């Protein structure tokens, strides 16, 4: 298993510098990670760094709370797609989900998907923030993501506690089957755990410790 091909090499710190983004992109090239994952403010720079060099660029929408309006998320999505971003990680609209407004959840994801899929090869991932919810709510949120046509269901942002777990990945896999893929993120710091997540059903790993995973080391830095 070539674990590098599963990794979204991530730097979402609000105080990340241009130099750190450049380094992140160079590391992605050196190790041939699947993508880098950066904030919208750094998305254009990442695209410029990585153009034609293998890894693609992922950026986030409504991050990290999901509590912006649908209109704002659509604007943000459109802008970073115009930069050349190929994968979008949007946060589930928890305010709709918590209030039982499930059709509004589906509507928002669907609207973003329509923008993303103007180029069919682009990818939309939806972040559930699974540690907020019990198993029944995780199942419901996953089902809504499937209804809306999400390409991936993602476990969490890594910014509000919690993290990826084998149990959660297995639960999501039991719902999505082959209809969607899974991105595990949050607290993935060692190679053994990373491989267990992949065996449990994860197709992608969001982590800031990608180099350590490849080198067989355990990272103690950062939250993602």
C-alpha atoms as a PDB file:
ATOM      1  CA  UNK A   1       0.000   0.000   0.000  1.00  0.00           C
ATOM      2  CA  UNK A   2       1.419   3.369  -1.028  1.00  0.00           C
ATOM      3  CA  UNK A   3       0.058   5.498   1.785  1.00  0.00           C
ATOM      4  CA  UNK A   4       1.171   8.792   0.203  1.00  0.00           C
ATOM      5  CA  UNK A   5      -1.550   8.431  -2.419  1.00  0.00           C
ATOM      6  CA  UNK A   6      -4.187   8.559   0.341  1.00  0.00           C
ATOM      7  CA  UNK A   7      -2.948  11.729   2.012  1.00  0.00           C
ATOM      8  CA  UNK A   8      -4.346  15.250   1.812  1.00  0.00           C
ATOM      9  CA  UNK A   9      -1.270  17.056   3.183  1.00  0.00           C
ATOM     10  CA  UNK A  10      -2.885  19.689   5.342  1.00  0.00           C
ATOM     11  CA  UNK A  11      -2.136  23.132   6.712  1.00  0.00           C
ATOM     12  CA  UNK A  12      -5.256  24.971   7.860  1.00  0.00           C
ATOM     13  CA  UNK A  13      -3.789  27.072  10.645  1.00  0.00           C
ATOM     14  CA  UNK A  14      -5.226  30.622  10.546  1.00  0.00           C
ATOM     15  CA  UNK A  15      -1.690  31.971  11.055  1.00  0.00           C
ATOM     16  CA  UNK A  16      -0.029  29.964   8.272  1.00  0.00           C
ATOM     17  CA  UNK A  17       2.476  32.013   6.270  1.00  0.00           C
ATOM     18  CA  UNK A  18       3.160  32.016   2.540  1.00  0.00           C
ATOM     19  CA  UNK A  19       6.497  30.383   3.238  1.00  0.00           C
ATOM     20  CA  UNK A  20       4.773  27.555   5.095  1.00  0.00           C
ATOM     21  CA  UNK A  21       2.352  27.057   2.199  1.00  0.00           C
ATOM     22  CA  UNK A  22       5.272  26.916  -0.220  1.00  0.00           C
ATOM     23  CA  UNK A  23       6.945  24.305   1.987  1.00  0.00           C
ATOM     24  CA  UNK A  24       3.713  22.295   2.228  1.00  0.00           C
ATOM     25  CA  UNK A  25       3.437  22.223  -1.555  1.00  0.00           C
ATOM     26  CA  UNK A  26       7.075  21.230  -2.012  1.00  0.00           C
ATOM     27  CA  UNK A  27       6.626  18.379   0.459  1.00  0.00           C
ATOM     28  CA  UNK A  28       3.555  17.227  -1.475  1.00  0.00           C
ATOM     29  CA  UNK A  29       5.642  17.174  -4.653  1.00  0.00           C
ATOM     30  CA  UNK A  30       8.554  15.401  -2.991  1.00  0.00           C
ATOM     31  CA  UNK A  31       6.378  12.682  -1.449  1.00  0.00           C
ATOM     32  CA  UNK A  32       3.660  12.699  -4.144  1.00  0.00           C
ATOM     33  CA  UNK A  33       0.761  13.114  -1.757  1.00  0.00           C
ATOM     34  CA  UNK A  34      -2.720  13.071  -3.275  1.00  0.00           C
ATOM     35  CA  UNK A  35      -3.307  16.742  -2.517  1.00  0.00           C
ATOM     36  CA  UNK A  36      -2.552  19.661  -0.263  1.00  0.00           C
ATOM     37  CA  UNK A  37      -5.424  21.042   1.800  1.00  0.00           C
ATOM     38  CA  UNK A  38      -5.283  24.765   2.540  1.00  0.00           C
ATOM     39  CA  UNK A  39      -7.545  27.646   3.488  1.00  0.00           C
ATOM     40  CA  UNK A  40      -9.174  29.704   0.702  1.00  0.00           C
ATOM     41  CA  UNK A  41      -6.770  32.592   1.335  1.00  0.00           C
ATOM     42  CA  UNK A  42      -3.872  30.315   0.340  1.00  0.00           C
ATOM     43  CA  UNK A  43      -5.626  28.364  -2.399  1.00  0.00           C
ATOM     44  CA  UNK A  44      -4.376  30.368  -5.388  1.00  0.00           C
ATOM     45  CA  UNK A  45      -0.776  30.213  -4.179  1.00  0.00           C
ATOM     46  CA  UNK A  46      -1.051  26.452  -3.730  1.00  0.00           C
ATOM     47  CA  UNK A  47      -2.487  26.036  -7.232  1.00  0.00           C
ATOM     48  CA  UNK A  48       0.384  28.068  -8.673  1.00  0.00           C
ATOM     49  CA  UNK A  49       2.930  26.000  -6.755  1.00  0.00           C
ATOM     50  CA  UNK A  50       1.502  22.645  -7.797  1.00  0.00           C
ATOM     51  CA  UNK A  51       0.404  23.211 -11.390  1.00  0.00           C
ATOM     52  CA  UNK A  52       1.495  20.240 -13.476  1.00  0.00           C
ATOM     53  CA  UNK A  53       3.451  18.645 -10.623  1.00  0.00           C
ATOM     54  CA  UNK A  54       1.160  15.812  -9.548  1.00  0.00           C
ATOM     55  CA  UNK A  55      -0.660  16.644  -6.309  1.00  0.00           C
ATOM     56  CA  UNK A  56      -3.890  18.608  -6.624  1.00  0.00           C
ATOM     57  CA  UNK A  57      -5.261  21.331  -4.349  1.00  0.00           C
ATOM     58  CA  UNK A  58      -8.066  20.912  -1.841  1.00  0.00           C
ATOM     59  CA  UNK A  59      -9.609  23.902  -0.094  1.00  0.00           C
ATOM     60  CA  UNK A  60     -12.323  24.309   2.521  1.00  0.00           C
ATOM     61  CA  UNK A  61     -15.718  26.025   2.516  1.00  0.00           C
ATOM     62  CA  UNK A  62     -17.654  27.225   5.557  1.00  0.00           C
ATOM     63  CA  UNK A  63     -14.662  26.205   7.638  1.00  0.00           C
ATOM     64  CA  UNK A  64     -14.520  25.354  10.406  1.00  0.00           C
ATOM     65  CA  UNK A  65     -18.007  25.800  11.907  1.00  0.00           C
ATOM     66  CA  UNK A  66     -20.233  25.469   8.844  1.00  0.00           C
ATOM     67  CA  UNK A  67     -22.226  28.389  10.254  1.00  0.00           C
ATOM     68  CA  UNK A  68     -22.054  30.717   7.253  1.00  0.00           C
ATOM     69  CA  UNK A  69     -25.076  31.059   4.998  1.00  0.00           C
ATOM     70  CA  UNK A  70     -25.565  29.019   1.867  1.00  0.00           C
ATOM     71  CA  UNK A  71     -25.053  32.142  -0.252  1.00  0.00           C
ATOM     72  CA  UNK A  72     -21.678  32.815   1.348  1.00  0.00           C
ATOM     73  CA  UNK A  73     -20.631  29.189   0.848  1.00  0.00           C
ATOM     74  CA  UNK A  74     -21.598  29.366  -2.813  1.00  0.00           C
ATOM     75  CA  UNK A  75     -19.549  32.540  -3.311  1.00  0.00           C
ATOM     76  CA  UNK A  76     -16.567  31.028  -1.520  1.00  0.00           C
ATOM     77  CA  UNK A  77     -16.821  27.822  -3.536  1.00  0.00           C
ATOM     78  CA  UNK A  78     -17.053  29.649  -6.845  1.00  0.00           C
ATOM     79  CA  UNK A  79     -14.065  31.840  -6.043  1.00  0.00           C
ATOM     80  CA  UNK A  80     -11.699  29.040  -5.083  1.00  0.00           C
ATOM     81  CA  UNK A  81     -12.820  26.945  -8.055  1.00  0.00           C
ATOM     82  CA  UNK A  82     -11.871  29.867 -10.269  1.00  0.00           C
ATOM     83  CA  UNK A  83      -8.424  29.791  -8.640  1.00  0.00           C
ATOM     84  CA  UNK A  84      -8.070  26.238  -9.950  1.00  0.00           C
ATOM     85  CA  UNK A  85      -8.843  24.226  -6.808  1.00  0.00           C
ATOM     86  CA  UNK A  86      -9.885  20.683  -7.713  1.00  0.00           C
ATOM     87  CA  UNK A  87     -11.387  19.424  -4.453  1.00  0.00           C
ATOM     88  CA  UNK A  88     -13.751  21.160  -2.034  1.00  0.00           C
ATOM     89  CA  UNK A  89     -14.209  20.148   1.618  1.00  0.00           C
ATOM     90  CA  UNK A  90     -17.413  21.817   2.854  1.00  0.00           C
ATOM     91  CA  UNK A  91     -18.708  21.717   6.419  1.00  0.00           C
ATOM     92  CA  UNK A  92     -22.185  20.303   6.968  1.00  0.00           C
ATOM     93  CA  UNK A  93     -24.691  23.079   7.842  1.00  0.00           C
ATOM     94  CA  UNK A  94     -25.132  22.032  11.462  1.00  0.00           C
ATOM     95  CA  UNK A  95     -27.718  24.737  12.097  1.00  0.00           C
ATOM     96  CA  UNK A  96     -30.089  23.017   9.666  1.00  0.00           C
ATOM     97  CA  UNK A  97     -29.176  19.520  10.775  1.00  0.00           C
ATOM     98  CA  UNK A  98     -29.635  20.225  14.495  1.00  0.00           C
ATOM     99  CA  UNK A  99     -33.079  21.692  13.839  1.00  0.00           C
ATOM    100  CA  UNK A 100     -34.225  18.714  11.797  1.00  0.00           C
ATOM    101  CA  UNK A 101     -34.295  20.740   8.575  1.00  0.00           C
ATOM    102  CA  UNK A 102     -32.922  17.863   6.579  1.00  0.00           C
ATOM    103  CA  UNK A 103     -34.202  19.031   3.201  1.00  0.00           C
ATOM    104  CA  UNK A 104     -32.260  22.265   3.684  1.00  0.00           C
ATOM    105  CA  UNK A 105     -29.108  20.243   4.360  1.00  0.00           C
ATOM    106  CA  UNK A 106     -29.621  18.344   1.109  1.00  0.00           C
ATOM    107  CA  UNK A 107     -30.396  21.566  -0.766  1.00  0.00           C
ATOM    108  CA  UNK A 108     -27.192  23.293   0.370  1.00  0.00           C
ATOM    109  CA  UNK A 109     -24.952  20.346  -0.459  1.00  0.00           C
ATOM    110  CA  UNK A 110     -26.692  19.934  -3.820  1.00  0.00           C
ATOM    111  CA  UNK A 111     -26.153  23.588  -4.722  1.00  0.00           C
ATOM    112  CA  UNK A 112     -22.453  23.372  -3.959  1.00  0.00           C
ATOM    113  CA  UNK A 113     -22.213  20.106  -5.850  1.00  0.00           C
ATOM    114  CA  UNK A 114     -23.725  21.726  -8.943  1.00  0.00           C
ATOM    115  CA  UNK A 115     -20.947  24.325  -8.893  1.00  0.00           C
ATOM    116  CA  UNK A 116     -18.207  21.802  -8.283  1.00  0.00           C
ATOM    117  CA  UNK A 117     -19.419  19.389 -10.958  1.00  0.00           C
ATOM    118  CA  UNK A 118     -19.345  21.929 -13.766  1.00  0.00           C
ATOM    119  CA  UNK A 119     -16.089  20.063 -14.243  1.00  0.00           C
ATOM    120  CA  UNK A 120     -17.015  16.412 -13.564  1.00  0.00           C
ATOM    121  CA  UNK A 121     -13.556  15.425 -12.362  1.00  0.00           C
ATOM    122  CA  UNK A 122     -13.710  17.841  -9.441  1.00  0.00           C
ATOM    123  CA  UNK A 123     -14.567  16.455  -6.005  1.00  0.00           C
ATOM    124  CA  UNK A 124     -16.951  17.533  -3.234  1.00  0.00           C
ATOM    125  CA  UNK A 125     -16.400  16.258   0.300  1.00  0.00           C
ATOM    126  CA  UNK A 126     -18.817  16.979   3.158  1.00  0.00           C
ATOM    127  CA  UNK A 127     -17.486  17.214   6.723  1.00  0.00           C
ATOM    128  CA  UNK A 128     -19.926  15.796   9.278  1.00  0.00           C
ATOM    129  CA  UNK A 129     -17.945  16.609  12.474  1.00  0.00           C
ATOM    130  CA  UNK A 130     -18.854  13.165  13.726  1.00  0.00           C
ATOM    131  CA  UNK A 131     -17.839  13.628  17.364  1.00  0.00           C
ATOM    132  CA  UNK A 132     -20.731  16.102  17.753  1.00  0.00           C
ATOM    133  CA  UNK A 133     -23.172  13.290  17.070  1.00  0.00           C
ATOM    134  CA  UNK A 134     -24.234   9.820  18.145  1.00  0.00           C
ATOM    135  CA  UNK A 135     -24.396   6.851  15.771  1.00  0.00           C
ATOM    136  CA  UNK A 136     -28.000   7.494  14.640  1.00  0.00           C
ATOM    137  CA  UNK A 137     -27.199  11.106  13.751  1.00  0.00           C
ATOM    138  CA  UNK A 138     -24.029  10.069  11.920  1.00  0.00           C
ATOM    139  CA  UNK A 139     -26.079   7.615   9.883  1.00  0.00           C
ATOM    140  CA  UNK A 140     -28.662  10.312   9.107  1.00  0.00           C
ATOM    141  CA  UNK A 141     -26.041  12.878   8.104  1.00  0.00           C
ATOM    142  CA  UNK A 142     -24.310  10.325   5.895  1.00  0.00           C
ATOM    143  CA  UNK A 143     -27.597   9.466   4.198  1.00  0.00           C
ATOM    144  CA  UNK A 144     -28.218  13.160   3.496  1.00  0.00           C
ATOM    145  CA  UNK A 145     -24.743  13.485   1.959  1.00  0.00           C
ATOM    146  CA  UNK A 146     -25.522  10.545  -0.318  1.00  0.00           C
ATOM    147  CA  UNK A 147     -28.870  12.013  -1.354  1.00  0.00           C
ATOM    148  CA  UNK A 148     -27.151  15.265  -2.298  1.00  0.00           C
ATOM    149  CA  UNK A 149     -24.514  13.482  -4.384  1.00  0.00           C
ATOM    150  CA  UNK A 150     -21.408  14.139  -2.280  1.00  0.00           C
ATOM    151  CA  UNK A 151     -18.308  12.335  -3.537  1.00  0.00           C
ATOM    152  CA  UNK A 152     -16.886  11.891  -0.028  1.00  0.00           C
ATOM    153  CA  UNK A 153     -18.144  11.913   3.545  1.00  0.00           C
ATOM    154  CA  UNK A 154     -15.462  13.328   5.839  1.00  0.00           C
ATOM    155  CA  UNK A 155     -15.250  12.634   9.555  1.00  0.00           C
ATOM    156  CA  UNK A 156     -14.353  16.013  11.049  1.00  0.00           C
ATOM    157  CA  UNK A 157     -12.520  19.315  10.726  1.00  0.00           C
ATOM    158  CA  UNK A 158      -9.995  18.613  13.470  1.00  0.00           C
ATOM    159  CA  UNK A 159     -10.706  22.062  14.928  1.00  0.00           C
ATOM    160  CA  UNK A 160     -13.439  21.312  17.469  1.00  0.00           C
ATOM    161  CA  UNK A 161     -12.077  18.363  19.412  1.00  0.00           C
ATOM    162  CA  UNK A 162     -12.585  14.748  18.519  1.00  0.00           C
ATOM    163  CA  UNK A 163     -10.959  13.089  15.540  1.00  0.00           C
ATOM    164  CA  UNK A 164     -11.130  10.122  13.241  1.00  0.00           C
ATOM    165  CA  UNK A 165     -11.969   6.748  14.758  1.00  0.00           C
ATOM    166  CA  UNK A 166     -12.139   3.236  13.363  1.00  0.00           C
ATOM    167  CA  UNK A 167     -15.692   2.817  14.641  1.00  0.00           C
ATOM    168  CA  UNK A 168     -16.910   5.935  12.871  1.00  0.00           C
ATOM    169  CA  UNK A 169     -15.218   5.059   9.589  1.00  0.00           C
ATOM    170  CA  UNK A 170     -16.741   1.563   9.721  1.00  0.00           C
ATOM    171  CA  UNK A 171     -20.173   3.032  10.465  1.00  0.00           C
ATOM    172  CA  UNK A 172     -19.992   5.480   7.561  1.00  0.00           C
ATOM    173  CA  UNK A 173     -18.719   2.713   5.271  1.00  0.00           C
ATOM    174  CA  UNK A 174     -21.712   0.565   6.190  1.00  0.00           C
ATOM    175  CA  UNK A 175     -23.960   3.335   4.846  1.00  0.00           C
ATOM    176  CA  UNK A 176     -22.073   4.579   1.783  1.00  0.00           C
ATOM    177  CA  UNK A 177     -20.893   1.205   0.482  1.00  0.00           C
ATOM    178  CA  UNK A 178     -19.530   1.974  -2.982  1.00  0.00           C
ATOM    179  CA  UNK A 179     -21.791   5.006  -3.513  1.00  0.00           C
ATOM    180  CA  UNK A 180     -19.336   7.486  -1.990  1.00  0.00           C
ATOM    181  CA  UNK A 181     -15.865   7.538  -0.506  1.00  0.00           C
ATOM    182  CA  UNK A 182     -14.649   8.398   2.984  1.00  0.00           C
ATOM    183  CA  UNK A 183     -12.084  10.912   4.175  1.00  0.00           C
ATOM    184  CA  UNK A 184     -10.833  10.299   7.692  1.00  0.00           C
ATOM    185  CA  UNK A 185      -9.327  13.333   9.382  1.00  0.00           C
ATOM    186  CA  UNK A 186      -8.400  14.595  12.797  1.00  0.00           C
ATOM    187  CA  UNK A 187      -5.680  13.131  15.008  1.00  0.00           C
ATOM    188  CA  UNK A 188      -4.081  10.807  12.450  1.00  0.00           C
ATOM    189  CA  UNK A 189      -0.541  10.820  13.776  1.00  0.00           C
ATOM    190  CA  UNK A 190       0.987   7.399  13.217  1.00  0.00           C
ATOM    191  CA  UNK A 191       1.266   4.907  10.388  1.00  0.00           C
ATOM    192  CA  UNK A 192      -0.398   1.997  12.170  1.00  0.00           C
ATOM    193  CA  UNK A 193      -3.567   4.001  12.824  1.00  0.00           C
ATOM    194  CA  UNK A 194      -3.512   5.363   9.272  1.00  0.00           C
ATOM    195  CA  UNK A 195      -3.387   1.868   7.828  1.00  0.00           C
ATOM    196  CA  UNK A 196      -6.160   0.697  10.147  1.00  0.00           C
ATOM    197  CA  UNK A 197      -8.365   3.547   8.946  1.00  0.00           C
ATOM    198  CA  UNK A 198      -7.733   2.570   5.331  1.00  0.00           C
ATOM    199  CA  UNK A 199      -8.565  -1.059   6.109  1.00  0.00           C
ATOM    200  CA  UNK A 200     -11.779   0.132   7.815  1.00  0.00           C
ATOM    201  CA  UNK A 201     -12.867   1.903   4.631  1.00  0.00           C
ATOM    202  CA  UNK A 202     -11.126   5.283   4.424  1.00  0.00           C
ATOM    203  CA  UNK A 203     -10.172   6.321   0.898  1.00  0.00           C
ATOM    204  CA  UNK A 204      -8.409   9.494   1.918  1.00  0.00           C
ATOM    205  CA  UNK A 205      -6.584  10.732   5.033  1.00  0.00           C
ATOM    206  CA  UNK A 206      -6.532  14.374   6.060  1.00  0.00           C
ATOM    207  CA  UNK A 207      -3.450  14.973   8.171  1.00  0.00           C
ATOM    208  CA  UNK A 208      -0.654  17.411   8.882  1.00  0.00           C
ATOM    209  CA  UNK A 209       1.596  14.462   9.749  1.00  0.00           C
ATOM    210  CA  UNK A 210       1.881  12.882   6.308  1.00  0.00           C
ATOM    211  CA  UNK A 211       5.676  12.840   6.258  1.00  0.00           C
ATOM    212  CA  UNK A 212       5.829  11.185   9.671  1.00  0.00           C
ATOM    213  CA  UNK A 213       3.305   8.557   8.556  1.00  0.00           C
ATOM    214  CA  UNK A 214       5.468   7.643   5.574  1.00  0.00           C
ATOM    215  CA  UNK A 215       8.618   7.579   7.711  1.00  0.00           C
ATOM    216  CA  UNK A 216       7.017   5.349  10.319  1.00  0.00           C
ATOM    217  CA  UNK A 217       7.207   7.993  13.021  1.00  0.00           C
ATOM    218  CA  UNK A 218       4.563   9.329  15.403  1.00  0.00           C
ATOM    219  CA  UNK A 219       3.813  13.044  15.320  1.00  0.00           C
ATOM    220  CA  UNK A 220       2.917  14.979  18.456  1.00  0.00           C
ATOM    221  CA  UNK A 221       2.542  18.350  16.737  1.00  0.00           C
ATOM    222  CA  UNK A 222      -0.631  20.083  15.639  1.00  0.00           C
ATOM    223  CA  UNK A 223      -4.256  19.041  15.810  1.00  0.00           C
ATOM    224  CA  UNK A 224      -4.939  17.853  12.274  1.00  0.00           C
END
